[in-house]
Amino acid sequence: MALSINDLHSNSTKNRNSRLVQGGSTDIYNNRLGWWAKRKFEKHDDDYIVMVLEHEQGRPDLISYRMYNKAIYAWVVLQYNSIVDPEVELTTGVEIILPTHARLLLDIISKPVGGNKTI
């Protein structure tokens, strides 16, 4: 089911840091968003190995804030590690891999806003 876009509010394809922009490719129709194709991120030798702390269990936003000082990159925490269910997969003591802050900004968050315009 596609998401309806209300003209009074902006949608996630207008947010440069959105998963729908940086995390893949989104089809945009006149009044809704269409198919989203997930982008595959390559792991690098300088990636961070991060252990999930007790208070971060099930909370990718808190991990994002700890690593990047912004909770808006919670989608990176999930997508970079192919996490589908954070309640089950982000438990205390689990190790995940995250890109360095520099690589996040230079390589991953590198697209302008928008998607694939479709009529």
C-alpha atoms as a PDB file:
ATOM      1  CA  MET A   1       0.000   0.000   0.000  1.00  0.00           C
ATOM      2  CA  ALA A   2       1.416   3.399  -0.966  1.00  0.00           C
ATOM      3  CA  LEU A   3       1.704   6.334   1.399  1.00  0.00           C
ATOM      4  CA  SER A   4      -0.587   9.278   0.642  1.00  0.00           C
ATOM      5  CA  ILE A   5       1.126  12.645   0.649  1.00  0.00           C
ATOM      6  CA  ASN A   6      -0.681  15.578   2.187  1.00  0.00           C
ATOM      7  CA  ASP A   7       0.139  18.803   0.316  1.00  0.00           C
ATOM      8  CA  LEU A   8       0.204  20.685   3.640  1.00  0.00           C
ATOM      9  CA  HIS A   9       3.124  18.626   4.954  1.00  0.00           C
ATOM     10  CA  SER A  10       6.471  17.709   3.427  1.00  0.00           C
ATOM     11  CA  ASN A  11       7.249  14.078   2.718  1.00  0.00           C
ATOM     12  CA  SER A  12      10.362  12.064   3.467  1.00  0.00           C
ATOM     13  CA  THR A  13      11.736  12.456  -0.057  1.00  0.00           C
ATOM     14  CA  LYS A  14      12.221  16.164   0.688  1.00  0.00           C
ATOM     15  CA  ASN A  15      14.387  15.395   3.719  1.00  0.00           C
ATOM     16  CA  ARG A  16      18.021  14.927   2.687  1.00  0.00           C
ATOM     17  CA  ASN A  17      18.732  12.621   5.659  1.00  0.00           C
ATOM     18  CA  SER A  18      15.729  10.385   5.057  1.00  0.00           C
ATOM     19  CA  ARG A  19      15.979   6.637   4.516  1.00  0.00           C
ATOM     20  CA  LEU A  20      13.796   7.113   1.426  1.00  0.00           C
ATOM     21  CA  VAL A  21      16.468   9.383  -0.115  1.00  0.00           C
ATOM     22  CA  GLN A  22      19.813   8.058   1.145  1.00  0.00           C
ATOM     23  CA  GLY A  23      18.876   4.455   1.859  1.00  0.00           C
ATOM     24  CA  GLY A  24      17.686   3.584  -1.615  1.00  0.00           C
ATOM     25  CA  SER A  25      15.602   4.709  -4.539  1.00  0.00           C
ATOM     26  CA  THR A  26      11.971   5.793  -4.183  1.00  0.00           C
ATOM     27  CA  ASP A  27       9.371   6.123  -6.925  1.00  0.00           C
ATOM     28  CA  ILE A  28       7.307   9.295  -6.522  1.00  0.00           C
ATOM     29  CA  TYR A  29       3.834   9.600  -8.003  1.00  0.00           C
ATOM     30  CA  ASN A  30       1.676  12.746  -8.066  1.00  0.00           C
ATOM     31  CA  ASN A  31      -0.102  11.956  -4.799  1.00  0.00           C
ATOM     32  CA  ARG A  32       1.870   9.153  -3.171  1.00  0.00           C
ATOM     33  CA  LEU A  33       5.187   7.404  -2.784  1.00  0.00           C
ATOM     34  CA  GLY A  34       5.633   4.159  -4.657  1.00  0.00           C
ATOM     35  CA  TRP A  35       8.195   1.378  -4.595  1.00  0.00           C
ATOM     36  CA  TRP A  36      11.356   1.832  -2.506  1.00  0.00           C
ATOM     37  CA  ALA A  37      14.437  -0.177  -3.534  1.00  0.00           C
ATOM     38  CA  LYS A  38      16.873  -0.632  -0.634  1.00  0.00           C
ATOM     39  CA  ARG A  39      20.478   0.427  -1.187  1.00  0.00           C
ATOM     40  CA  LYS A  40      23.195  -2.077  -0.220  1.00  0.00           C
ATOM     41  CA  PHE A  41      26.011  -0.540   1.830  1.00  0.00           C
ATOM     42  CA  GLU A  42      29.530  -1.930   1.563  1.00  0.00           C
ATOM     43  CA  LYS A  43      31.370  -2.547   4.823  1.00  0.00           C
ATOM     44  CA  HIS A  44      34.826  -0.946   5.242  1.00  0.00           C
ATOM     45  CA  ASP A  45      37.851  -1.902   7.331  1.00  0.00           C
ATOM     46  CA  ASP A  46      37.611   1.326   9.332  1.00  0.00           C
ATOM     47  CA  ASP A  47      33.947   0.816  10.320  1.00  0.00           C
ATOM     48  CA  TYR A  48      33.101   1.028  14.014  1.00  0.00           C
ATOM     49  CA  ILE A  49      32.242  -2.123  15.941  1.00  0.00           C
ATOM     50  CA  VAL A  50      29.606  -1.009  18.443  1.00  0.00           C
ATOM     51  CA  MET A  51      28.159  -2.936  21.361  1.00  0.00           C
ATOM     52  CA  VAL A  52      24.510  -2.277  22.186  1.00  0.00           C
ATOM     53  CA  LEU A  53      24.266  -0.903  25.722  1.00  0.00           C
ATOM     54  CA  GLU A  54      21.462  -1.880  28.095  1.00  0.00           C
ATOM     55  CA  HIS A  55      19.584   1.433  27.778  1.00  0.00           C
ATOM     56  CA  GLU A  56      19.870   1.247  23.950  1.00  0.00           C
ATOM     57  CA  GLN A  57      18.166  -2.144  23.643  1.00  0.00           C
ATOM     58  CA  GLY A  58      15.631  -1.946  20.791  1.00  0.00           C
ATOM     59  CA  ARG A  59      16.461   1.764  20.280  1.00  0.00           C
ATOM     60  CA  PRO A  60      18.451   2.476  17.084  1.00  0.00           C
ATOM     61  CA  ASP A  61      17.815   6.202  17.647  1.00  0.00           C
ATOM     62  CA  LEU A  62      19.867   6.106  20.873  1.00  0.00           C
ATOM     63  CA  ILE A  63      22.715   4.251  19.157  1.00  0.00           C
ATOM     64  CA  SER A  64      22.621   6.803  16.339  1.00  0.00           C
ATOM     65  CA  TYR A  65      22.751   9.642  18.857  1.00  0.00           C
ATOM     66  CA  ARG A  66      25.692   8.073  20.713  1.00  0.00           C
ATOM     67  CA  MET A  67      27.689   7.533  17.521  1.00  0.00           C
ATOM     68  CA  TYR A  68      26.709  10.552  15.381  1.00  0.00           C
ATOM     69  CA  ASN A  69      25.174  13.033  17.866  1.00  0.00           C
ATOM     70  CA  LYS A  70      21.921  12.841  15.878  1.00  0.00           C
ATOM     71  CA  ALA A  71      19.034  10.417  16.299  1.00  0.00           C
ATOM     72  CA  ILE A  72      17.937  10.925  12.667  1.00  0.00           C
ATOM     73  CA  TYR A  73      20.438   8.322  11.481  1.00  0.00           C
ATOM     74  CA  ALA A  74      18.615   5.482  13.273  1.00  0.00           C
ATOM     75  CA  TRP A  75      17.726   4.120   9.840  1.00  0.00           C
ATOM     76  CA  VAL A  76      21.489   3.768   9.114  1.00  0.00           C
ATOM     77  CA  VAL A  77      21.936   1.672  12.267  1.00  0.00           C
ATOM     78  CA  LEU A  78      19.184  -0.664  11.055  1.00  0.00           C
ATOM     79  CA  GLN A  79      19.892  -0.767   7.337  1.00  0.00           C
ATOM     80  CA  TYR A  80      23.695  -1.029   7.634  1.00  0.00           C
ATOM     81  CA  ASN A  81      23.214  -4.143   9.758  1.00  0.00           C
ATOM     82  CA  SER A  82      20.181  -5.561   7.886  1.00  0.00           C
ATOM     83  CA  ILE A  83      18.109  -5.337  11.059  1.00  0.00           C
ATOM     84  CA  VAL A  84      14.410  -5.933  10.515  1.00  0.00           C
ATOM     85  CA  ASP A  85      13.154  -6.164  14.114  1.00  0.00           C
ATOM     86  CA  PRO A  86      15.103  -3.918  16.506  1.00  0.00           C
ATOM     87  CA  GLU A  87      13.231  -5.291  19.526  1.00  0.00           C
ATOM     88  CA  VAL A  88      14.654  -8.754  18.852  1.00  0.00           C
ATOM     89  CA  GLU A  89      17.940  -7.975  17.069  1.00  0.00           C
ATOM     90  CA  LEU A  90      19.214  -4.970  19.075  1.00  0.00           C
ATOM     91  CA  THR A  91      19.642  -6.543  22.474  1.00  0.00           C
ATOM     92  CA  THR A  92      22.168  -5.716  25.187  1.00  0.00           C
ATOM     93  CA  GLY A  93      25.667  -6.913  24.305  1.00  0.00           C
ATOM     94  CA  VAL A  94      25.037  -7.483  20.599  1.00  0.00           C
ATOM     95  CA  GLU A  95      27.797  -6.092  18.376  1.00  0.00           C
ATOM     96  CA  ILE A  96      26.819  -4.152  15.267  1.00  0.00           C
ATOM     97  CA  ILE A  97      28.890  -2.411  12.611  1.00  0.00           C
ATOM     98  CA  LEU A  98      28.512   1.256  11.706  1.00  0.00           C
ATOM     99  CA  PRO A  99      30.286   3.517   9.221  1.00  0.00           C
ATOM    100  CA  THR A 100      32.623   6.163  10.585  1.00  0.00           C
ATOM    101  CA  HIS A 101      31.113   9.609  11.020  1.00  0.00           C
ATOM    102  CA  ALA A 102      33.179  10.957   8.108  1.00  0.00           C
ATOM    103  CA  ARG A 103      32.103   8.131   5.812  1.00  0.00           C
ATOM    104  CA  LEU A 104      28.476   8.560   6.835  1.00  0.00           C
ATOM    105  CA  LEU A 105      28.554  12.198   5.781  1.00  0.00           C
ATOM    106  CA  LEU A 106      30.752  11.865   2.685  1.00  0.00           C
ATOM    107  CA  ASP A 107      29.698   8.527   1.187  1.00  0.00           C
ATOM    108  CA  ILE A 108      26.328   7.492   2.570  1.00  0.00           C
ATOM    109  CA  ILE A 109      24.472  10.793   3.036  1.00  0.00           C
ATOM    110  CA  SER A 110      25.549  12.051  -0.363  1.00  0.00           C
ATOM    111  CA  LYS A 111      22.380  12.247  -2.465  1.00  0.00           C
ATOM    112  CA  PRO A 112      20.309  15.376  -2.904  1.00  0.00           C
ATOM    113  CA  VAL A 113      16.616  15.230  -1.975  1.00  0.00           C
ATOM    114  CA  GLY A 114      14.086  13.567  -4.220  1.00  0.00           C
ATOM    115  CA  GLY A 115      13.345  10.269  -5.870  1.00  0.00           C
ATOM    116  CA  ASN A 116      12.292   8.868  -9.217  1.00  0.00           C
ATOM    117  CA  LYS A 117       9.431  10.956 -10.615  1.00  0.00           C
ATOM    118  CA  THR A 118       6.754   8.680 -12.076  1.00  0.00           C
ATOM    119  CA  ILE A 119       3.486   9.699 -13.665  1.00  0.00           C
END
